Amino acid sequence: MSRTTDILLTALAPAVWGSTYLVTTEALPAGYPVTMAALRALPAGLLLLAFTRCMPPRAWLGRTFLLGSLNFALFWVLLFVAAYRLPGGVAATLGALQAMMVILMARGWLGTPIRAGAIAAAAAGALGVALLLIGRDAALDSVGVAAGLGGAASMAAGTVLSRRWQPPVSALSFTAWQLTAGGLILLPFALILEPALPPLTTMNLAGLVWLGLIGAAASYALWFRGVARIEPGAVSMLGMMSPLTAVLLGWVVLGQSLSPLQGLGAAVVLGSVWMGQRANRPSAGIRPITKVVPTA
């Protein structure tokens, strides 16, 4: 399969994640962030485990729970904290710094060279997200900023380590392991920190099904498949499609306005994603990782 096809398939994941804000605000009960995160991860993970019938070997349990924490449990909780304490545009802009973090982490953990074009693309992408989302009334909160940066770092580390630790199983099984681990980590915190859920409506259940099956199981399987086949810096730039999709859905579905400045930001984001794919293209003779037999 060509690199272009791999990129397009991987880009579907953050495009789907862009629907999370719309579904969360319009279809889910408010005030249960950890519970909603657990219900998004654990049922989807268990369903995928039943489908793939592939359990992680004992040697992979530590890595699985670490990745499940970085990519899901810790990331989603910090994301909710940032969203509650910061304007959405500020939180999304901090999240967009993930691409820069991936480039630096990939250098240390994978030996990937740092290219000037990749740095420029990541910086341009963050600027584009800022133009797209930050309003004049944007305010900063120290806890919110720390959560936003922590969430970006958590997902960045999870992306790079998912590339480094490739088990000899399918992307669907790898996703099942991590989703289940992340959900198991979140479950006790949800039970302790939040009150019991009210009776769920049909709309609530539909929102959870979308976020679990499509927004978690299917999209993350595509994401981890891309992580294994595409350069980490290129994969991380595709994450810029998430805030862009969120804005477009707000415009189309909710009738929200789209200013000329936001239009410019959208163009900058798309340009940075394209530039990031070119700048992170591997040197001749280097092939993407597909399967690596784990070592102790």
Protein backbone atom coordinates (compact mmCIF):
# COMPACT_ATOMS: atom_id res chain seq x y z
CA MET A 1 0.00 0.00 0.00
CA SER A 2 1.34 3.45 -0.91
CA ARG A 3 2.45 6.04 1.63
CA THR A 4 -0.28 8.40 0.37
CA THR A 5 -2.95 5.81 1.10
CA ASP A 6 -1.49 5.21 4.56
CA ILE A 7 -1.58 8.96 5.24
CA LEU A 8 -5.20 9.32 4.10
CA LEU A 9 -6.34 6.35 6.19
CA THR A 10 -4.51 7.64 9.26
CA ALA A 11 -5.95 11.14 8.77
CA LEU A 12 -9.44 9.67 9.15
CA ALA A 13 -8.74 9.10 12.85
CA PRO A 14 -8.22 12.74 13.93
CA ALA A 15 -11.01 13.79 11.55
CA VAL A 16 -13.35 11.51 13.52
CA TRP A 17 -11.94 12.79 16.83
CA GLY A 18 -13.03 16.25 15.73
CA SER A 19 -16.62 15.11 16.30
CA THR A 20 -15.94 14.45 19.99
CA TYR A 21 -16.77 18.00 21.12
CA LEU A 22 -20.05 18.04 19.18
CA VAL A 23 -21.14 14.61 20.43
CA THR A 24 -20.07 15.34 24.01
CA THR A 25 -21.92 18.65 24.25
CA GLU A 26 -25.02 17.60 22.33
CA ALA A 27 -25.49 13.93 23.26
CA LEU A 28 -23.83 13.12 26.60
CA PRO A 29 -24.77 14.11 30.18
CA ALA A 30 -22.61 16.94 31.49
CA GLY A 31 -20.37 16.70 34.55
CA TYR A 32 -19.06 13.13 34.23
CA PRO A 33 -15.77 13.45 32.32
CA VAL A 34 -13.92 10.51 33.89
CA THR A 35 -16.98 8.25 33.74
CA MET A 36 -17.59 9.13 30.09
CA ALA A 37 -13.93 8.48 29.29
CA ALA A 38 -14.10 5.08 31.01
CA LEU A 39 -17.32 4.18 29.19
CA ARG A 40 -15.75 5.24 25.93
CA ALA A 41 -12.62 3.13 26.39
CA LEU A 42 -13.48 -0.03 28.34
CA PRO A 43 -16.53 -1.40 26.44
CA ALA A 44 -14.82 -0.70 23.10
CA GLY A 45 -11.65 -2.43 24.28
CA LEU A 46 -13.49 -5.48 25.59
CA LEU A 47 -15.50 -5.72 22.37
CA LEU A 48 -12.33 -5.63 20.29
CA LEU A 49 -10.72 -8.25 22.55
CA ALA A 50 -13.71 -10.53 22.02
CA PHE A 51 -13.53 -9.94 18.27
CA THR A 52 -9.78 -10.42 17.87
CA ARG A 53 -9.45 -13.15 20.54
CA CYS A 54 -5.92 -11.95 21.14
CA MET A 55 -4.82 -11.26 24.70
CA PRO A 56 -1.55 -9.51 25.47
CA PRO A 57 1.18 -11.90 26.66
CA ARG A 58 2.52 -11.43 30.18
CA ALA A 59 5.68 -9.80 28.85
CA TRP A 60 3.56 -7.06 27.25
CA LEU A 61 1.31 -6.23 30.23
CA GLY A 62 3.54 -3.46 31.59
CA ARG A 63 3.92 -1.80 28.20
CA THR A 64 0.21 -2.19 27.47
CA PHE A 65 -0.86 -0.45 30.67
CA LEU A 66 1.71 2.31 30.19
CA LEU A 67 0.52 2.93 26.64
CA GLY A 68 -3.12 2.68 27.72
CA SER A 69 -2.43 5.34 30.33
CA LEU A 70 -0.55 7.67 28.00
CA ASN A 71 -2.83 7.36 24.97
CA PHE A 72 -6.16 7.15 26.79
CA ALA A 73 -6.48 7.40 30.58
CA LEU A 74 -4.08 10.22 31.39
CA PHE A 75 -4.54 11.95 28.04
CA TRP A 76 -8.34 12.04 28.18
CA VAL A 77 -8.48 13.20 31.82
CA LEU A 78 -5.99 16.03 31.22
CA LEU A 79 -7.88 16.93 28.06
CA PHE A 80 -11.11 17.32 30.04
CA VAL A 81 -9.37 19.38 32.75
CA ALA A 82 -7.92 21.71 30.13
CA ALA A 83 -11.29 21.99 28.38
CA TYR A 84 -13.06 22.90 31.63
CA ARG A 85 -10.49 25.48 32.79
CA LEU A 86 -9.50 27.10 29.49
CA PRO A 87 -11.33 28.51 26.49
CA GLY A 88 -11.60 25.78 23.89
CA GLY A 89 -9.27 27.57 21.48
CA VAL A 90 -6.49 27.87 24.05
CA ALA A 91 -6.82 24.22 25.04
CA ALA A 92 -6.74 23.10 21.39
CA THR A 93 -3.71 25.27 20.64
CA LEU A 94 -1.81 23.74 23.55
CA GLY A 95 -2.81 20.32 22.25
CA ALA A 96 -1.45 21.23 18.82
CA LEU A 97 2.03 21.53 20.38
CA GLN A 98 1.96 17.73 20.46
CA ALA A 99 3.47 17.64 16.96
CA MET A 100 6.55 19.52 18.15
CA MET A 101 6.86 17.25 21.17
CA VAL A 102 6.68 14.14 18.99
CA ILE A 103 9.56 15.39 16.85
CA LEU A 104 11.74 15.92 19.92
CA MET A 105 10.75 12.65 21.61
CA ALA A 106 11.26 10.69 18.40
CA ARG A 107 14.79 12.05 18.25
CA GLY A 108 15.57 10.81 21.75
CA TRP A 109 13.72 7.47 21.69
CA LEU A 110 13.86 6.46 18.03
CA GLY A 111 16.90 8.32 16.73
CA THR A 112 14.76 10.09 14.12
CA PRO A 113 16.60 13.12 12.70
CA ILE A 114 15.16 16.56 13.41
CA ARG A 115 14.46 18.35 10.14
CA ALA A 116 14.02 22.10 9.89
CA GLY A 117 11.02 21.64 7.61
CA ALA A 118 9.31 19.43 10.16
CA ILE A 119 9.84 21.99 12.93
CA ALA A 120 8.51 24.76 10.67
CA ALA A 121 5.44 22.69 9.77
CA ALA A 122 4.68 21.93 13.43
CA ALA A 123 5.03 25.61 14.38
CA ALA A 124 2.84 26.68 11.47
CA GLY A 125 0.22 24.12 12.45
CA ALA A 126 0.05 25.42 16.02
CA LEU A 127 -0.26 28.99 14.67
CA GLY A 128 -3.05 27.88 12.33
CA VAL A 129 -4.97 26.24 15.17
CA ALA A 130 -4.56 29.42 17.22
CA LEU A 131 -5.97 31.54 14.38
CA LEU A 132 -8.76 29.03 13.92
CA LEU A 133 -9.89 28.84 17.53
CA ILE A 134 -8.54 31.52 19.88
CA GLY A 135 -10.93 34.44 20.39
CA ARG A 136 -10.33 37.89 21.78
CA ASP A 137 -11.59 36.87 25.23
CA ALA A 138 -9.05 34.07 25.58
CA ALA A 139 -7.84 33.77 29.16
CA LEU A 140 -5.12 31.70 30.77
CA ASP A 141 -5.37 29.55 33.86
CA SER A 142 -2.20 27.96 35.27
CA VAL A 143 -3.83 24.61 36.08
CA GLY A 144 -5.54 24.54 32.72
CA VAL A 145 -2.34 25.37 30.88
CA ALA A 146 -0.45 22.67 32.79
CA ALA A 147 -3.19 20.17 31.96
CA GLY A 148 -3.16 21.17 28.29
CA LEU A 149 0.61 20.79 28.02
CA GLY A 150 0.52 17.58 30.04
CA GLY A 151 -2.15 16.11 27.78
CA ALA A 152 -0.15 16.99 24.67
CA ALA A 153 2.98 15.44 26.20
CA SER A 154 1.06 12.31 27.22
CA MET A 155 -0.30 11.71 23.71
CA ALA A 156 3.07 12.55 22.16
CA ALA A 157 4.85 10.02 24.38
CA GLY A 158 2.18 7.44 23.67
CA THR A 159 2.53 7.97 19.92
CA VAL A 160 6.32 7.62 19.94
CA LEU A 161 6.35 4.62 22.29
CA SER A 162 3.61 2.94 20.25
CA ARG A 163 5.98 3.26 17.30
CA ARG A 164 8.93 1.93 19.29
CA TRP A 165 7.04 -0.98 20.85
CA GLN A 166 5.33 -2.75 17.96
CA PRO A 167 3.95 -6.16 19.03
CA PRO A 168 3.67 -8.92 16.41
CA VAL A 169 -0.12 -8.56 16.24
CA SER A 170 -2.60 -6.57 14.16
CA ALA A 171 -3.32 -2.89 14.79
CA LEU A 172 -6.82 -3.92 15.89
CA SER A 173 -5.42 -6.17 18.62
CA PHE A 174 -2.92 -3.52 19.70
CA THR A 175 -5.82 -1.05 19.96
CA ALA A 176 -7.89 -3.55 21.95
CA TRP A 177 -5.08 -4.02 24.49
CA GLN A 178 -4.59 -0.30 25.03
CA LEU A 179 -8.28 0.64 25.17
CA THR A 180 -8.98 -2.09 27.73
CA ALA A 181 -5.98 -1.08 29.83
CA GLY A 182 -6.94 2.59 29.68
CA GLY A 183 -10.53 1.81 30.62
CA LEU A 184 -9.47 -0.36 33.56
CA ILE A 185 -7.25 2.48 34.81
CA LEU A 186 -10.10 5.01 34.50
CA LEU A 187 -12.85 2.86 36.04
CA PRO A 188 -11.89 3.10 39.75
CA PHE A 189 -11.29 6.87 39.44
CA ALA A 190 -14.74 7.26 37.87
CA LEU A 191 -16.37 5.29 40.70
CA ILE A 192 -14.52 7.22 43.42
CA LEU A 193 -14.47 10.76 42.04
CA GLU A 194 -17.86 11.11 40.36
CA PRO A 195 -21.48 10.44 41.38
CA ALA A 196 -23.55 7.69 39.82
CA LEU A 197 -24.81 8.36 36.33
CA PRO A 198 -28.45 9.31 35.86
CA PRO A 199 -30.59 7.04 33.65
CA LEU A 200 -29.19 7.30 30.14
CA THR A 201 -31.44 8.41 27.31
CA THR A 202 -31.44 7.01 23.79
CA MET A 203 -29.41 10.05 22.71
CA ASN A 204 -26.85 9.42 25.48
CA LEU A 205 -26.45 5.79 24.42
CA ALA A 206 -26.11 6.77 20.77
CA GLY A 207 -23.38 9.26 21.70
CA LEU A 208 -21.49 6.64 23.69
CA VAL A 209 -21.78 4.11 20.88
CA TRP A 210 -20.37 6.65 18.42
CA LEU A 211 -17.50 7.69 20.68
CA GLY A 212 -16.72 4.10 21.67
CA LEU A 213 -17.04 2.18 18.41
CA ILE A 214 -16.14 4.87 15.88
CA GLY A 215 -14.33 7.51 17.93
CA ALA A 216 -12.19 4.99 19.83
CA ALA A 217 -12.13 1.43 18.45
CA ALA A 218 -12.17 2.13 14.70
CA SER A 219 -10.32 5.45 14.69
CA TYR A 220 -7.51 4.37 17.03
CA ALA A 221 -7.01 1.16 15.06
CA LEU A 222 -6.37 3.38 12.02
CA TRP A 223 -4.16 5.65 14.12
CA PHE A 224 -1.95 2.87 15.50
CA ARG A 225 -1.76 1.32 12.05
CA GLY A 226 -0.45 4.65 10.80
CA VAL A 227 1.95 4.97 13.72
CA ALA A 228 3.53 1.68 12.66
CA ARG A 229 3.81 2.63 8.99
CA ILE A 230 4.41 6.40 8.82
CA GLU A 231 7.12 8.55 10.37
CA PRO A 232 6.17 9.82 13.87
CA GLY A 233 6.49 13.48 12.87
CA ALA A 234 4.20 12.96 9.87
CA VAL A 235 1.62 11.11 11.96
CA SER A 236 1.56 13.80 14.64
CA MET A 237 0.91 16.52 12.03
CA LEU A 238 -2.26 14.69 11.00
CA GLY A 239 -3.61 15.38 14.49
CA MET A 240 -4.13 18.98 13.35
CA MET A 241 -7.17 17.70 11.43
CA SER A 242 -9.07 17.23 14.70
CA PRO A 243 -9.63 20.91 15.65
CA LEU A 244 -10.22 21.76 11.99
CA THR A 245 -12.98 19.13 11.77
CA ALA A 246 -14.48 20.34 15.06
CA VAL A 247 -14.77 23.89 13.72
CA LEU A 248 -16.26 22.74 10.43
CA LEU A 249 -18.83 20.56 12.23
CA GLY A 250 -19.76 23.49 14.48
CA TRP A 251 -20.26 25.62 11.38
CA VAL A 252 -22.27 23.03 9.42
CA VAL A 253 -24.26 21.32 12.19
CA LEU A 254 -24.63 23.98 14.88
CA GLY A 255 -24.73 27.04 12.64
CA GLN A 256 -21.72 28.68 14.30
CA SER A 257 -20.08 31.58 12.49
CA LEU A 258 -16.77 31.27 10.67
CA SER A 259 -14.75 34.49 10.44
CA PRO A 260 -12.20 35.38 7.74
CA LEU A 261 -9.46 34.96 10.36
CA GLN A 262 -10.68 31.45 11.08
CA GLY A 263 -10.72 30.74 7.35
CA LEU A 264 -7.09 31.84 7.21
CA GLY A 265 -6.32 29.58 10.17
CA ALA A 266 -7.96 26.62 8.42
CA ALA A 267 -5.84 27.25 5.32
CA VAL A 268 -2.68 27.47 7.44
CA VAL A 269 -3.54 24.19 9.20
CA LEU A 270 -4.11 22.37 5.91
CA GLY A 271 -0.90 23.82 4.47
CA SER A 272 1.09 22.80 7.55
CA VAL A 273 -0.26 19.24 7.40
CA TRP A 274 0.78 18.97 3.75
CA MET A 275 4.19 20.49 4.50
CA GLY A 276 4.62 18.15 7.48
CA GLN A 277 4.08 15.08 5.32
CA ARG A 278 6.76 16.21 2.86
CA ALA A 279 9.23 17.34 5.53
CA ASN A 280 8.97 14.05 7.43
CA ARG A 281 9.27 11.82 4.37
CA PRO A 282 11.86 9.10 5.12
CA SER A 283 15.19 8.98 3.36
CA ALA A 284 15.59 6.60 0.46
CA GLY A 285 16.00 3.01 1.55
CA ILE A 286 14.23 3.39 4.90
CA ARG A 287 11.01 1.41 5.15
CA PRO A 288 8.24 1.82 7.71
CA ILE A 289 8.03 -0.50 10.69
CA THR A 290 5.40 -3.18 10.28
CA LYS A 291 6.00 -5.90 12.88
CA VAL A 292 8.76 -6.14 15.41
CA VAL A 293 9.20 -9.15 17.65
CA PRO A 294 9.25 -7.83 21.24
CA THR A 295 12.40 -8.10 23.27
CA ALA A 296 12.81 -8.27 26.99
